[in-house]
């Protein structure tokens, strides 16, 4: 079984007017690009991780066409929640709405064959900045990068730290679930939405948690318009490989993470 990742598809089949075309020519018709590349690479026996920002829908019913789109594609899918997934209701309702061979993570883990995947949404890393890596081109009327990346107020910094700490607890629970399920030498993979470290791989509490848990692969998204003239961001640190899988970074093509 091959394990692929593709994050942040930002689908809008049930939400007219939310197409991604305004974010650049590479986004025009991007669902068709995803489907074409997915069908070329992924077989029914493979696994695809989609760690967040799945649908622009504001409610579960409006998200169903996007979930069905993924459900029709080959392979088993494991989904995670992103910061734009406002449709994501209680985890029980989300799981009831999923197509066959599709699973959802929320601070826990799932086993698919000889692969165990655990994860949570995670959050912004307190004090970290990705500004130097982002080639931001706002849509007409959008905020310039300087406004988006302004220094946070004391209240904003405190809230970021609070949410980061909360997500770390959820990450620890997910990794404990990975440990419980990973019998018989199963491959361990973590899937989170937010990057767990900066592109230079500076250590964080999240990277330390992955190292303790013996997770060799971590997949995530969230970042868009990443500059390509600086070389590939992230990579391997202390035996853990960090895979940026935002679909515009990987040219809307599922990225091979591992094979069992």
Foldseek 3Di string as FASTA:
>chain_A
DFEWEAEQPADQPLPPPRQPCLQDVLSVVLLVVLQVQQQVPAAQAYEYEYEENQYQDQAQVSCLVSLVSVLVGHYAYEYAYEPNPNRDDPLVVVQVSHHPSYHYADLAWDDDPLEIEFEHAAADDQPDDQLVFAPGDDGVPDDDPCVVRPDDDPVVSVVRVVRNVVRLVSNLSHLVNQVVPNPPNRAYEYEYADDPAYQVCDDDSVVVSCLVSVHAEYEYEPDPRTDPVVDGGFADDNNHGYHHNHCVVVSSHTGTDDDD
